[in-house]
Amino acid sequence: ELQYVASTIVVPLVKSSLTEWVPLAGKNESIPHLTTFTQWKDILDEEANQLISQPVAGDPMPAYHTLVWECWVPVIRLAIQRWHSRQPDPLIGFLELWRPLLPNWILQ
């Protein structure tokens, strides 16, 4: 099952590729990771044509959503904690760049 593959194989691989990433450093810093997430979204996103507003308690999270939650969110959370809110452009640009690859509920 894709969920098992995502959580046991893909998540650790992608996590390790993000260890040195500085998300708010600019578009060029994000391009390799955008490519990675685009490829994994195409492979793992079983619900590509379905809009999932928010995961339902008790239901397993879709495989791609797990990848985003386990790999992308922790790195971004840390970057936002270090972000200077008086300089919003890096975060705004970053979110605009990544928006097409994020599950709807991540941005809510």
N, C-alpha and C. Protein backbone atom coordinates (compact mmCIF):
# COMPACT_ATOMS: atom_id res chain seq x y z
N GLU A 1 0.84 -1.19 0.00
CA GLU A 1 0.00 0.00 0.00
C GLU A 1 0.88 1.24 0.00
N LEU A 2 0.42 2.26 -0.69
CA LEU A 2 1.20 3.50 -0.82
C LEU A 2 1.47 4.17 0.53
N GLN A 3 0.51 4.12 1.42
CA GLN A 3 0.70 4.75 2.73
C GLN A 3 1.88 4.12 3.46
N TYR A 4 2.00 2.81 3.40
CA TYR A 4 3.10 2.10 4.06
C TYR A 4 4.44 2.47 3.41
N VAL A 5 4.48 2.47 2.09
CA VAL A 5 5.70 2.82 1.36
C VAL A 5 6.10 4.26 1.69
N ALA A 6 5.13 5.15 1.70
CA ALA A 6 5.42 6.56 1.98
C ALA A 6 6.00 6.73 3.38
N SER A 7 5.39 6.09 4.36
CA SER A 7 5.84 6.31 5.74
C SER A 7 7.14 5.58 6.08
N THR A 8 7.40 4.46 5.46
CA THR A 8 8.60 3.70 5.83
C THR A 8 9.80 3.94 4.94
N ILE A 9 9.58 4.31 3.70
CA ILE A 9 10.70 4.47 2.77
C ILE A 9 10.86 5.91 2.30
N VAL A 10 9.79 6.48 1.77
CA VAL A 10 9.88 7.80 1.15
C VAL A 10 10.12 8.90 2.19
N VAL A 11 9.37 8.89 3.28
CA VAL A 11 9.52 9.95 4.29
C VAL A 11 10.95 10.05 4.80
N PRO A 12 11.59 8.96 5.23
CA PRO A 12 12.98 9.11 5.68
C PRO A 12 13.93 9.63 4.60
N LEU A 13 13.74 9.21 3.36
CA LEU A 13 14.60 9.69 2.28
C LEU A 13 14.43 11.19 2.04
N VAL A 14 13.19 11.62 1.99
CA VAL A 14 12.93 13.04 1.74
C VAL A 14 13.37 13.87 2.94
N LYS A 15 13.10 13.39 4.14
CA LYS A 15 13.55 14.12 5.35
C LYS A 15 15.04 14.37 5.32
N SER A 16 15.80 13.35 4.97
CA SER A 16 17.25 13.51 4.95
C SER A 16 17.69 14.50 3.87
N SER A 17 16.94 14.58 2.78
CA SER A 17 17.31 15.53 1.72
C SER A 17 17.00 16.98 2.11
N LEU A 18 16.19 17.17 3.14
CA LEU A 18 15.80 18.53 3.55
C LEU A 18 16.62 19.07 4.72
N THR A 19 17.57 18.30 5.22
CA THR A 19 18.28 18.70 6.44
C THR A 19 19.05 20.01 6.31
N GLU A 20 19.60 20.30 5.16
CA GLU A 20 20.38 21.52 4.98
C GLU A 20 19.61 22.64 4.28
N TRP A 21 18.33 22.42 4.00
CA TRP A 21 17.52 23.37 3.25
C TRP A 21 17.19 24.60 4.08
N VAL A 22 17.35 25.77 3.49
CA VAL A 22 16.94 27.04 4.10
C VAL A 22 15.77 27.55 3.25
N PRO A 23 14.54 27.24 3.65
CA PRO A 23 13.38 27.49 2.79
C PRO A 23 13.17 28.93 2.37
N LEU A 24 13.45 29.88 3.25
CA LEU A 24 13.16 31.27 2.95
C LEU A 24 14.34 32.00 2.32
N ALA A 25 15.34 31.25 1.86
CA ALA A 25 16.53 31.85 1.26
C ALA A 25 16.32 32.26 -0.20
N GLY A 26 15.20 31.90 -0.77
CA GLY A 26 14.91 32.29 -2.15
C GLY A 26 14.48 31.13 -3.01
N LYS A 27 13.97 31.47 -4.18
CA LYS A 27 13.41 30.48 -5.10
C LYS A 27 14.45 29.43 -5.52
N ASN A 28 15.67 29.87 -5.80
CA ASN A 28 16.69 28.93 -6.25
C ASN A 28 16.99 27.86 -5.22
N GLU A 29 16.87 28.21 -3.95
CA GLU A 29 17.09 27.24 -2.87
C GLU A 29 15.98 26.19 -2.85
N SER A 30 14.78 26.56 -3.29
CA SER A 30 13.63 25.67 -3.23
C SER A 30 13.46 24.78 -4.46
N ILE A 31 14.04 25.15 -5.58
CA ILE A 31 13.77 24.43 -6.83
C ILE A 31 14.04 22.92 -6.75
N PRO A 32 15.18 22.47 -6.19
CA PRO A 32 15.37 21.01 -6.13
C PRO A 32 14.30 20.31 -5.29
N HIS A 33 13.84 20.98 -4.24
CA HIS A 33 12.83 20.38 -3.36
C HIS A 33 11.45 20.45 -4.00
N LEU A 34 11.18 21.51 -4.74
CA LEU A 34 9.93 21.58 -5.50
C LEU A 34 9.84 20.42 -6.48
N THR A 35 10.96 20.14 -7.13
CA THR A 35 11.01 19.03 -8.08
C THR A 35 10.74 17.70 -7.38
N THR A 36 11.39 17.50 -6.24
CA THR A 36 11.20 16.27 -5.47
C THR A 36 9.74 16.10 -5.07
N PHE A 37 9.14 17.14 -4.51
CA PHE A 37 7.76 17.04 -4.05
C PHE A 37 6.78 16.89 -5.22
N THR A 38 7.07 17.53 -6.34
CA THR A 38 6.22 17.37 -7.53
C THR A 38 6.22 15.92 -7.99
N GLN A 39 7.40 15.33 -8.04
CA GLN A 39 7.50 13.93 -8.47
C GLN A 39 6.78 13.00 -7.50
N TRP A 40 6.97 13.20 -6.21
CA TRP A 40 6.31 12.33 -5.24
C TRP A 40 4.81 12.56 -5.20
N LYS A 41 4.38 13.80 -5.45
CA LYS A 41 2.94 14.05 -5.50
C LYS A 41 2.32 13.26 -6.65
N ASP A 42 2.98 13.28 -7.80
CA ASP A 42 2.47 12.53 -8.95
C ASP A 42 2.38 11.03 -8.65
N ILE A 43 3.30 10.52 -7.88
CA ILE A 43 3.33 9.09 -7.57
C ILE A 43 2.36 8.73 -6.45
N LEU A 44 2.34 9.53 -5.38
CA LEU A 44 1.63 9.15 -4.17
C LEU A 44 0.22 9.70 -4.04
N ASP A 45 -0.09 10.74 -4.75
CA ASP A 45 -1.37 11.42 -4.50
C ASP A 45 -2.52 10.67 -5.15
N GLU A 46 -3.06 9.73 -4.41
CA GLU A 46 -4.20 8.93 -4.88
C GLU A 46 -5.44 9.79 -5.08
N GLU A 47 -5.51 10.87 -4.31
CA GLU A 47 -6.70 11.72 -4.34
C GLU A 47 -6.45 12.97 -5.17
N ALA A 48 -5.66 12.86 -6.24
CA ALA A 48 -5.30 14.04 -7.04
C ALA A 48 -6.52 14.78 -7.57
N ASN A 49 -7.58 14.06 -7.85
CA ASN A 49 -8.77 14.71 -8.40
C ASN A 49 -9.84 14.96 -7.35
N GLN A 50 -9.52 14.69 -6.10
CA GLN A 50 -10.49 14.91 -5.03
C GLN A 50 -9.98 16.02 -4.12
N LEU A 51 -10.88 16.88 -3.69
CA LEU A 51 -10.50 17.93 -2.75
C LEU A 51 -10.73 17.43 -1.34
N ILE A 52 -9.66 17.37 -0.58
CA ILE A 52 -9.75 16.96 0.82
C ILE A 52 -9.56 18.22 1.64
N SER A 53 -10.60 18.65 2.30
CA SER A 53 -10.51 19.90 3.04
C SER A 53 -9.70 19.72 4.31
N GLN A 54 -9.88 18.62 5.00
CA GLN A 54 -9.13 18.35 6.21
C GLN A 54 -9.23 16.85 6.49
N PRO A 55 -8.13 16.26 6.99
CA PRO A 55 -8.20 14.84 7.30
C PRO A 55 -9.28 14.58 8.36
N VAL A 56 -9.95 13.46 8.24
CA VAL A 56 -10.98 13.07 9.19
C VAL A 56 -10.32 12.21 10.25
N ALA A 57 -10.62 12.50 11.51
CA ALA A 57 -10.05 11.72 12.61
C ALA A 57 -10.37 10.25 12.43
N GLY A 58 -9.38 9.42 12.59
CA GLY A 58 -9.55 7.99 12.46
C GLY A 58 -9.23 7.44 11.08
N ASP A 59 -9.34 8.27 10.06
CA ASP A 59 -8.98 7.85 8.71
C ASP A 59 -7.48 8.02 8.50
N PRO A 60 -6.84 7.09 7.79
CA PRO A 60 -5.42 7.28 7.52
C PRO A 60 -5.22 8.47 6.58
N MET A 61 -4.18 9.22 6.83
CA MET A 61 -3.86 10.36 5.99
C MET A 61 -3.38 9.84 4.64
N PRO A 62 -3.80 10.47 3.54
CA PRO A 62 -3.28 10.05 2.23
C PRO A 62 -1.75 10.10 2.22
N ALA A 63 -1.14 9.26 1.41
CA ALA A 63 0.32 9.11 1.41
C ALA A 63 1.05 10.42 1.14
N TYR A 64 0.61 11.18 0.16
CA TYR A 64 1.30 12.44 -0.13
C TYR A 64 1.14 13.44 1.01
N HIS A 65 -0.02 13.46 1.62
CA HIS A 65 -0.26 14.35 2.75
C HIS A 65 0.67 13.99 3.91
N THR A 66 0.89 12.69 4.11
CA THR A 66 1.82 12.24 5.14
C THR A 66 3.23 12.74 4.83
N LEU A 67 3.62 12.65 3.59
CA LEU A 67 4.94 13.13 3.19
C LEU A 67 5.10 14.62 3.51
N VAL A 68 4.11 15.41 3.14
CA VAL A 68 4.16 16.85 3.42
C VAL A 68 4.19 17.10 4.92
N TRP A 69 3.33 16.43 5.66
CA TRP A 69 3.23 16.64 7.10
C TRP A 69 4.51 16.23 7.84
N GLU A 70 5.07 15.12 7.46
CA GLU A 70 6.25 14.60 8.17
C GLU A 70 7.56 15.25 7.73
N CYS A 71 7.65 15.71 6.49
CA CYS A 71 8.92 16.23 5.96
C CYS A 71 8.93 17.74 5.80
N TRP A 72 7.94 18.26 5.12
CA TRP A 72 7.91 19.68 4.77
C TRP A 72 7.53 20.56 5.95
N VAL A 73 6.46 20.20 6.66
CA VAL A 73 5.94 21.04 7.74
C VAL A 73 6.99 21.30 8.84
N PRO A 74 7.71 20.31 9.34
CA PRO A 74 8.70 20.62 10.40
C PRO A 74 9.78 21.61 9.96
N VAL A 75 10.24 21.48 8.73
CA VAL A 75 11.27 22.40 8.23
C VAL A 75 10.71 23.81 8.10
N ILE A 76 9.49 23.92 7.61
CA ILE A 76 8.87 25.23 7.44
C ILE A 76 8.53 25.85 8.78
N ARG A 77 8.06 25.04 9.70
CA ARG A 77 7.75 25.54 11.04
C ARG A 77 8.99 26.19 11.66
N LEU A 78 10.12 25.53 11.55
CA LEU A 78 11.37 26.07 12.08
C LEU A 78 11.77 27.35 11.35
N ALA A 79 11.63 27.37 10.04
CA ALA A 79 11.97 28.57 9.26
C ALA A 79 11.08 29.75 9.65
N ILE A 80 9.81 29.49 9.88
CA ILE A 80 8.89 30.56 10.26
C ILE A 80 9.22 31.08 11.67
N GLN A 81 9.65 30.21 12.55
CA GLN A 81 10.05 30.65 13.89
C GLN A 81 11.25 31.60 13.83
N ARG A 82 12.10 31.43 12.84
CA ARG A 82 13.29 32.28 12.68
C ARG A 82 13.04 33.48 11.77
N TRP A 83 11.90 33.54 11.14
CA TRP A 83 11.54 34.56 10.16
C TRP A 83 11.29 35.89 10.85
N HIS A 84 11.66 36.98 10.18
CA HIS A 84 11.42 38.33 10.69
C HIS A 84 10.14 38.87 10.06
N SER A 85 9.11 39.02 10.86
CA SER A 85 7.79 39.38 10.34
C SER A 85 7.77 40.77 9.71
N ARG A 86 8.73 41.59 10.02
CA ARG A 86 8.80 42.92 9.39
C ARG A 86 9.30 42.83 7.95
N GLN A 87 9.76 41.65 7.56
CA GLN A 87 10.18 41.39 6.18
C GLN A 87 9.34 40.23 5.64
N PRO A 88 8.09 40.52 5.26
CA PRO A 88 7.17 39.43 4.87
C PRO A 88 7.44 38.81 3.50
N ASP A 89 8.15 39.52 2.64
CA ASP A 89 8.30 39.05 1.25
C ASP A 89 8.87 37.64 1.10
N PRO A 90 9.90 37.26 1.85
CA PRO A 90 10.41 35.89 1.67
C PRO A 90 9.36 34.81 1.96
N LEU A 91 8.58 34.99 3.01
CA LEU A 91 7.56 34.00 3.35
C LEU A 91 6.41 34.02 2.35
N ILE A 92 5.99 35.19 1.94
CA ILE A 92 4.90 35.29 0.97
C ILE A 92 5.32 34.63 -0.35
N GLY A 93 6.51 34.96 -0.82
CA GLY A 93 7.00 34.36 -2.07
C GLY A 93 7.13 32.86 -1.96
N PHE A 94 7.61 32.40 -0.82
CA PHE A 94 7.78 30.96 -0.58
C PHE A 94 6.43 30.24 -0.65
N LEU A 95 5.44 30.77 0.05
CA LEU A 95 4.13 30.12 0.07
C LEU A 95 3.46 30.16 -1.29
N GLU A 96 3.63 31.23 -2.03
CA GLU A 96 3.07 31.29 -3.39
C GLU A 96 3.71 30.24 -4.29
N LEU A 97 5.01 30.04 -4.12
CA LEU A 97 5.73 29.05 -4.91
C LEU A 97 5.26 27.63 -4.60
N TRP A 98 5.03 27.34 -3.34
CA TRP A 98 4.69 25.99 -2.89
C TRP A 98 3.20 25.69 -2.88
N ARG A 99 2.36 26.69 -2.95
CA ARG A 99 0.91 26.49 -2.82
C ARG A 99 0.35 25.36 -3.70
N PRO A 100 0.74 25.25 -4.98
CA PRO A 100 0.17 24.17 -5.82
C PRO A 100 0.50 22.76 -5.33
N LEU A 101 1.53 22.62 -4.52
CA LEU A 101 1.94 21.29 -4.07
C LEU A 101 1.42 20.95 -2.67
N LEU A 102 0.74 21.87 -2.04
CA LEU A 102 0.31 21.64 -0.66
C LEU A 102 -1.16 21.23 -0.58
N PRO A 103 -1.45 20.26 0.30
CA PRO A 103 -2.86 19.92 0.53
C PRO A 103 -3.58 21.17 1.05
N ASN A 104 -4.83 21.33 0.68
CA ASN A 104 -5.60 22.52 1.07
C ASN A 104 -5.60 22.75 2.58
N TRP A 105 -5.70 21.70 3.36
CA TRP A 105 -5.81 21.86 4.80
C TRP A 105 -4.51 22.36 5.44
N ILE A 106 -3.38 22.23 4.78
CA ILE A 106 -2.11 22.73 5.34
C ILE A 106 -2.15 24.25 5.45
N LEU A 107 -2.74 24.91 4.48
CA LEU A 107 -2.75 26.38 4.45
C LEU A 107 -3.92 26.98 5.22
N GLN A 108 -4.79 26.17 5.77
CA GLN A 108 -5.93 26.71 6.52
C GLN A 108 -5.54 27.05 7.93
